[in-house]
Amino acid sequence: MMAHALNGLLMLAAVVVAYMNFRVLYKLDPYKKVMILLVFSVAIGIHALSHLGLETVYGLNPFKAASR
């Protein structure tokens, strides 16, 4: 469960760093932009699989917890 939380924090940090360097990212060629987007896509997919695993093993569903 700690790895899942760490993954979420690292993704948040990556979004903050990308926001702080928006001008640099904006000037990149399209190929590099697509590569960065694909890396973010893989990170989000891994985090989603972690959600599925946590729900299966521990019965943890963050949507149910948030709606209480």
PDB file of N, CA and C in Angstrom:
ATOM      1  N   MET A   1       0.834  -1.183   0.000  1.00  0.00           N
ATOM      2  CA  MET A   1       0.000   0.000   0.000  1.00  0.00           C
ATOM      3  C   MET A   1       0.881   1.250   0.000  1.00  0.00           C
ATOM      4  N   MET A   2       2.051   1.161   0.615  1.00  0.00           N
ATOM      5  CA  MET A   2       2.961   2.305   0.652  1.00  0.00           C
ATOM      6  C   MET A   2       3.491   2.626  -0.746  1.00  0.00           C
ATOM      7  N   ALA A   3       3.724   1.591  -1.546  1.00  0.00           N
ATOM      8  CA  ALA A   3       4.216   1.803  -2.908  1.00  0.00           C
ATOM      9  C   ALA A   3       3.180   2.548  -3.746  1.00  0.00           C
ATOM     10  N   HIS A   4       1.916   2.254  -3.509  1.00  0.00           N
ATOM     11  CA  HIS A   4       0.840   2.929  -4.236  1.00  0.00           C
ATOM     12  C   HIS A   4       0.807   4.414  -3.891  1.00  0.00           C
ATOM     13  N   ALA A   5       0.914   4.725  -2.614  1.00  0.00           N
ATOM     14  CA  ALA A   5       0.914   6.130  -2.180  1.00  0.00           C
ATOM     15  C   ALA A   5       2.142   6.862  -2.716  1.00  0.00           C
ATOM     16  N   LEU A   6       3.286   6.206  -2.686  1.00  0.00           N
ATOM     17  CA  LEU A   6       4.512   6.818  -3.203  1.00  0.00           C
ATOM     18  C   LEU A   6       4.393   7.072  -4.700  1.00  0.00           C
ATOM     19  N   ASN A   7       3.790   6.128  -5.416  1.00  0.00           N
ATOM     20  CA  ASN A   7       3.570   6.301  -6.848  1.00  0.00           C
ATOM     21  C   ASN A   7       2.687   7.516  -7.119  1.00  0.00           C
ATOM     22  N   GLY A   8       1.636   7.677  -6.330  1.00  0.00           N
ATOM     23  CA  GLY A   8       0.755   8.833  -6.477  1.00  0.00           C
ATOM     24  C   GLY A   8       1.472  10.140  -6.195  1.00  0.00           C
ATOM     25  N   LEU A   9       2.298  10.168  -5.155  1.00  0.00           N
ATOM     26  CA  LEU A   9       3.054  11.383  -4.839  1.00  0.00           C
ATOM     27  C   LEU A   9       4.071  11.714  -5.929  1.00  0.00           C
ATOM     28  N   LEU A  10       4.714  10.705  -6.474  1.00  0.00           N
ATOM     29  CA  LEU A  10       5.685  10.940  -7.547  1.00  0.00           C
ATOM     30  C   LEU A  10       5.003  11.453  -8.817  1.00  0.00           C
ATOM     31  N   MET A  11       3.812  10.948  -9.096  1.00  0.00           N
ATOM     32  CA  MET A  11       3.071  11.459 -10.257  1.00  0.00           C
ATOM     33  C   MET A  11       2.661  12.914 -10.035  1.00  0.00           C
ATOM     34  N   LEU A  12       2.251  13.242  -8.819  1.00  0.00           N
ATOM     35  CA  LEU A  12       1.912  14.624  -8.501  1.00  0.00           C
ATOM     36  C   LEU A  12       3.135  15.519  -8.647  1.00  0.00           C
ATOM     37  N   ALA A  13       4.277  15.069  -8.180  1.00  0.00           N
ATOM     38  CA  ALA A  13       5.513  15.843  -8.314  1.00  0.00           C
ATOM     39  C   ALA A  13       5.873  16.034  -9.788  1.00  0.00           C
ATOM     40  N   ALA A  14       5.664  15.013 -10.608  1.00  0.00           N
ATOM     41  CA  ALA A  14       5.960  15.128 -12.037  1.00  0.00           C
ATOM     42  C   ALA A  14       5.060  16.162 -12.705  1.00  0.00           C
ATOM     43  N   VAL A  15       3.797  16.201 -12.306  1.00  0.00           N
ATOM     44  CA  VAL A  15       2.882  17.192 -12.868  1.00  0.00           C
ATOM     45  C   VAL A  15       3.303  18.599 -12.454  1.00  0.00           C
ATOM     46  N   VAL A  16       3.723  18.764 -11.198  1.00  0.00           N
ATOM     47  CA  VAL A  16       4.170  20.079 -10.722  1.00  0.00           C
ATOM     48  C   VAL A  16       5.426  20.524 -11.472  1.00  0.00           C
ATOM     49  N   VAL A  17       6.369  19.615 -11.655  1.00  0.00           N
ATOM     50  CA  VAL A  17       7.602  19.956 -12.385  1.00  0.00           C
ATOM     51  C   VAL A  17       7.284  20.280 -13.840  1.00  0.00           C
ATOM     52  N   ALA A  18       6.381  19.541 -14.451  1.00  0.00           N
ATOM     53  CA  ALA A  18       5.998  19.820 -15.838  1.00  0.00           C
ATOM     54  C   ALA A  18       5.333  21.191 -15.937  1.00  0.00           C
ATOM     55  N   TYR A  19       4.505  21.528 -14.955  1.00  0.00           N
ATOM     56  CA  TYR A  19       3.848  22.843 -14.951  1.00  0.00           C
ATOM     57  C   TYR A  19       4.867  23.962 -14.794  1.00  0.00           C
ATOM     58  N   MET A  20       5.864  23.739 -13.943  1.00  0.00           N
ATOM     59  CA  MET A  20       6.881  24.762 -13.716  1.00  0.00           C
ATOM     60  C   MET A  20       7.773  24.944 -14.943  1.00  0.00           C
ATOM     61  N   ASN A  21       7.884  23.934 -15.774  1.00  0.00           N
ATOM     62  CA  ASN A  21       8.726  23.991 -16.970  1.00  0.00           C
ATOM     63  C   ASN A  21       7.895  23.983 -18.245  1.00  0.00           C
ATOM     64  N   PHE A  22       6.736  24.598 -18.200  1.00  0.00           N
ATOM     65  CA  PHE A  22       5.825  24.564 -19.339  1.00  0.00           C
ATOM     66  C   PHE A  22       6.454  25.157 -20.597  1.00  0.00           C
ATOM     67  N   ARG A  23       7.178  26.243 -20.456  1.00  0.00           N
ATOM     68  CA  ARG A  23       7.787  26.880 -21.642  1.00  0.00           C
ATOM     69  C   ARG A  23       8.793  25.967 -22.327  1.00  0.00           C
ATOM     70  N   VAL A  24       9.554  25.240 -21.531  1.00  0.00           N
ATOM     71  CA  VAL A  24      10.530  24.296 -22.105  1.00  0.00           C
ATOM     72  C   VAL A  24       9.792  23.174 -22.827  1.00  0.00           C
ATOM     73  N   LEU A  25       8.750  22.651 -22.189  1.00  0.00           N
ATOM     74  CA  LEU A  25       7.985  21.569 -22.809  1.00  0.00           C
ATOM     75  C   LEU A  25       7.265  22.032 -24.075  1.00  0.00           C
ATOM     76  N   TYR A  26       6.804  23.275 -24.056  1.00  0.00           N
ATOM     77  CA  TYR A  26       6.082  23.819 -25.210  1.00  0.00           C
ATOM     78  C   TYR A  26       6.987  23.919 -26.438  1.00  0.00           C
ATOM     79  N   LYS A  27       8.277  24.173 -26.211  1.00  0.00           N
ATOM     80  CA  LYS A  27       9.219  24.351 -27.323  1.00  0.00           C
ATOM     81  C   LYS A  27       9.775  23.031 -27.874  1.00  0.00           C
ATOM     82  N   LEU A  28       9.477  21.924 -27.220  1.00  0.00           N
ATOM     83  CA  LEU A  28       9.993  20.639 -27.691  1.00  0.00           C
ATOM     84  C   LEU A  28       9.365  20.256 -29.028  1.00  0.00           C
ATOM     85  N   ASP A  29      10.105  19.448 -29.782  1.00  0.00           N
ATOM     86  CA  ASP A  29       9.548  18.973 -31.050  1.00  0.00           C
ATOM     87  C   ASP A  29       8.446  17.951 -30.769  1.00  0.00           C
ATOM     88  N   PRO A  30       7.558  17.739 -31.721  1.00  0.00           N
ATOM     89  CA  PRO A  30       6.391  16.862 -31.486  1.00  0.00           C
ATOM     90  C   PRO A  30       6.748  15.440 -31.051  1.00  0.00           C
ATOM     91  N   TYR A  31       7.825  14.902 -31.561  1.00  0.00           N
ATOM     92  CA  TYR A  31       8.221  13.540 -31.190  1.00  0.00           C
ATOM     93  C   TYR A  31       8.489  13.439 -29.695  1.00  0.00           C
ATOM     94  N   LYS A  32       9.229  14.396 -29.148  1.00  0.00           N
ATOM     95  CA  LYS A  32       9.540  14.380 -27.715  1.00  0.00           C
ATOM     96  C   LYS A  32       8.287  14.617 -26.879  1.00  0.00           C
ATOM     97  N   LYS A  33       7.375  15.451 -27.373  1.00  0.00           N
ATOM     98  CA  LYS A  33       6.115  15.670 -26.655  1.00  0.00           C
ATOM     99  C   LYS A  33       5.310  14.380 -26.578  1.00  0.00           C
ATOM    100  N   VAL A  34       5.277  13.635 -27.665  1.00  0.00           N
ATOM    101  CA  VAL A  34       4.554  12.365 -27.690  1.00  0.00           C
ATOM    102  C   VAL A  34       5.215  11.368 -26.736  1.00  0.00           C
ATOM    103  N   MET A  35       6.530  11.334 -26.695  1.00  0.00           N
ATOM    104  CA  MET A  35       7.238  10.428 -25.793  1.00  0.00           C
ATOM    105  C   MET A  35       6.925  10.762 -24.327  1.00  0.00           C
ATOM    106  N   ILE A  36       6.910  12.035 -23.978  1.00  0.00           N
ATOM    107  CA  ILE A  36       6.572  12.443 -22.607  1.00  0.00           C
ATOM    108  C   ILE A  36       5.133  12.055 -22.284  1.00  0.00           C
ATOM    109  N   LEU A  37       4.243  12.269 -23.227  1.00  0.00           N
ATOM    110  CA  LEU A  37       2.843  11.900 -23.021  1.00  0.00           C
ATOM    111  C   LEU A  37       2.689  10.395 -22.823  1.00  0.00           C
ATOM    112  N   LEU A  38       3.451   9.607 -23.569  1.00  0.00           N
ATOM    113  CA  LEU A  38       3.394   8.153 -23.419  1.00  0.00           C
ATOM    114  C   LEU A  38       3.927   7.704 -22.056  1.00  0.00           C
ATOM    115  N   VAL A  39       4.973   8.360 -21.566  1.00  0.00           N
ATOM    116  CA  VAL A  39       5.506   8.029 -20.240  1.00  0.00           C
ATOM    117  C   VAL A  39       4.463   8.328 -19.167  1.00  0.00           C
ATOM    118  N   PHE A  40       3.791   9.489 -19.275  1.00  0.00           N
ATOM    119  CA  PHE A  40       2.728   9.807 -18.320  1.00  0.00           C
ATOM    120  C   PHE A  40       1.594   8.790 -18.426  1.00  0.00           C
ATOM    121  N   SER A  41       1.286   8.361 -19.623  1.00  0.00           N
ATOM    122  CA  SER A  41       0.228   7.374 -19.826  1.00  0.00           C
ATOM    123  C   SER A  41       0.565   6.051 -19.149  1.00  0.00           C
ATOM    124  N   VAL A  42       1.789   5.606 -19.271  1.00  0.00           N
ATOM    125  CA  VAL A  42       2.217   4.365 -18.627  1.00  0.00           C
ATOM    126  C   VAL A  42       2.155   4.515 -17.109  1.00  0.00           C
ATOM    127  N   ALA A  43       2.596   5.651 -16.587  1.00  0.00           N
ATOM    128  CA  ALA A  43       2.560   5.876 -15.138  1.00  0.00           C
ATOM    129  C   ALA A  43       1.132   5.846 -14.612  1.00  0.00           C
ATOM    130  N   ILE A  44       0.208   6.470 -15.329  1.00  0.00           N
ATOM    131  CA  ILE A  44      -1.194   6.468 -14.912  1.00  0.00           C
ATOM    132  C   ILE A  44      -1.774   5.057 -14.990  1.00  0.00           C
ATOM    133  N   GLY A  45      -1.411   4.314 -16.018  1.00  0.00           N
ATOM    134  CA  GLY A  45      -1.886   2.938 -16.150  1.00  0.00           C
ATOM    135  C   GLY A  45      -1.394   2.045 -15.026  1.00  0.00           C
ATOM    136  N   ILE A  46      -0.136   2.187 -14.646  1.00  0.00           N
ATOM    137  CA  ILE A  46       0.417   1.396 -13.541  1.00  0.00           C
ATOM    138  C   ILE A  46      -0.287   1.761 -12.236  1.00  0.00           C
ATOM    139  N   HIS A  47      -0.541   3.045 -12.036  1.00  0.00           N
ATOM    140  CA  HIS A  47      -1.248   3.486 -10.827  1.00  0.00           C
ATOM    141  C   HIS A  47      -2.672   2.915 -10.810  1.00  0.00           C
ATOM    142  N   ALA A  48      -3.318   2.869 -11.956  1.00  0.00           N
ATOM    143  CA  ALA A  48      -4.671   2.306 -12.031  1.00  0.00           C
ATOM    144  C   ALA A  48      -4.658   0.809 -11.724  1.00  0.00           C
ATOM    145  N   LEU A  49      -3.663   0.092 -12.216  1.00  0.00           N
ATOM    146  CA  LEU A  49      -3.550  -1.329 -11.897  1.00  0.00           C
ATOM    147  C   LEU A  49      -3.316  -1.539 -10.403  1.00  0.00           C
ATOM    148  N   SER A  50      -2.585  -0.634  -9.796  1.00  0.00           N
ATOM    149  CA  SER A  50      -2.380  -0.700  -8.354  1.00  0.00           C
ATOM    150  C   SER A  50      -3.705  -0.517  -7.612  1.00  0.00           C
ATOM    151  N   HIS A  51      -4.556   0.389  -8.112  1.00  0.00           N
ATOM    152  CA  HIS A  51      -5.888   0.563  -7.522  1.00  0.00           C
ATOM    153  C   HIS A  51      -6.678  -0.740  -7.604  1.00  0.00           C
ATOM    154  N   LEU A  52      -6.636  -1.400  -8.750  1.00  0.00           N
ATOM    155  CA  LEU A  52      -7.364  -2.655  -8.912  1.00  0.00           C
ATOM    156  C   LEU A  52      -6.843  -3.734  -7.968  1.00  0.00           C
ATOM    157  N   GLY A  53      -5.528  -3.790  -7.827  1.00  0.00           N
ATOM    158  CA  GLY A  53      -4.937  -4.773  -6.914  1.00  0.00           C
ATOM    159  C   GLY A  53      -5.309  -4.510  -5.474  1.00  0.00           C
ATOM    160  N   LEU A  54      -5.271  -3.248  -5.070  1.00  0.00           N
ATOM    161  CA  LEU A  54      -5.638  -2.908  -3.693  1.00  0.00           C
ATOM    162  C   LEU A  54      -7.104  -3.219  -3.422  1.00  0.00           C
ATOM    163  N   GLU A  55      -7.949  -2.992  -4.406  1.00  0.00           N
ATOM    164  CA  GLU A  55      -9.370  -3.286  -4.214  1.00  0.00           C
ATOM    165  C   GLU A  55      -9.603  -4.791  -4.118  1.00  0.00           C
ATOM    166  N   THR A  56      -8.895  -5.547  -4.932  1.00  0.00           N
ATOM    167  CA  THR A  56      -9.068  -7.008  -4.927  1.00  0.00           C
ATOM    168  C   THR A  56      -8.554  -7.623  -3.627  1.00  0.00           C
ATOM    169  N   VAL A  57      -7.377  -7.219  -3.191  1.00  0.00           N
ATOM    170  CA  VAL A  57      -6.749  -7.848  -2.032  1.00  0.00           C
ATOM    171  C   VAL A  57      -7.318  -7.326  -0.716  1.00  0.00           C
ATOM    172  N   TYR A  58      -7.435  -5.996  -0.602  1.00  0.00           N
ATOM    173  CA  TYR A  58      -7.829  -5.399   0.669  1.00  0.00           C
ATOM    174  C   TYR A  58      -9.269  -4.897   0.705  1.00  0.00           C
ATOM    175  N   GLY A  59      -9.962  -4.927  -0.426  1.00  0.00           N
ATOM    176  CA  GLY A  59     -11.317  -4.383  -0.464  1.00  0.00           C
ATOM    177  C   GLY A  59     -11.326  -2.869  -0.397  1.00  0.00           C
ATOM    178  N   LEU A  60     -10.213  -2.256  -0.755  1.00  0.00           N
ATOM    179  CA  LEU A  60     -10.077  -0.804  -0.688  1.00  0.00           C
ATOM    180  C   LEU A  60     -10.628  -0.173  -1.966  1.00  0.00           C
ATOM    181  N   ASN A  61     -11.633   0.648  -1.841  1.00  0.00           N
ATOM    182  CA  ASN A  61     -12.199   1.365  -2.974  1.00  0.00           C
ATOM    183  C   ASN A  61     -12.265   2.836  -2.608  1.00  0.00           C
ATOM    184  N   PRO A  62     -11.376   3.680  -3.177  1.00  0.00           N
ATOM    185  CA  PRO A  62     -11.344   5.087  -2.781  1.00  0.00           C
ATOM    186  C   PRO A  62     -12.614   5.852  -3.134  1.00  0.00           C
ATOM    187  N   PHE A  63     -13.346   5.392  -4.133  1.00  0.00           N
ATOM    188  CA  PHE A  63     -14.595   6.078  -4.488  1.00  0.00           C
ATOM    189  C   PHE A  63     -15.655   5.864  -3.413  1.00  0.00           C
ATOM    190  N   LYS A  64     -15.708   4.655  -2.857  1.00  0.00           N
ATOM    191  CA  LYS A  64     -16.657   4.402  -1.770  1.00  0.00           C
ATOM    192  C   LYS A  64     -16.255   5.180  -0.520  1.00  0.00           C
ATOM    193  N   ALA A  65     -14.962   5.252  -0.244  1.00  0.00           N
ATOM    194  CA  ALA A  65     -14.485   5.977   0.942  1.00  0.00           C
ATOM    195  C   ALA A  65     -14.757   7.468   0.809  1.00  0.00           C
ATOM    196  N   ALA A  66     -14.637   8.015  -0.384  1.00  0.00           N
ATOM    197  CA  ALA A  66     -14.856   9.449  -0.596  1.00  0.00           C
ATOM    198  C   ALA A  66     -16.329   9.815  -0.554  1.00  0.00           C
ATOM    199  N   SER A  67     -17.192   8.865  -0.861  1.00  0.00           N
ATOM    200  CA  SER A  67     -18.626   9.177  -0.919  1.00  0.00           C
ATOM    201  C   SER A  67     -19.326   9.043   0.436  1.00  0.00           C
ATOM    202  N   ARG A  68     -18.604   8.626   1.441  1.00  0.00           N
ATOM    203  CA  ARG A  68     -19.213   8.463   2.779  1.00  0.00           C
ATOM    204  C   ARG A  68     -19.454   9.772   3.442  1.00  0.00           C
TER     205      ARG A  68
END
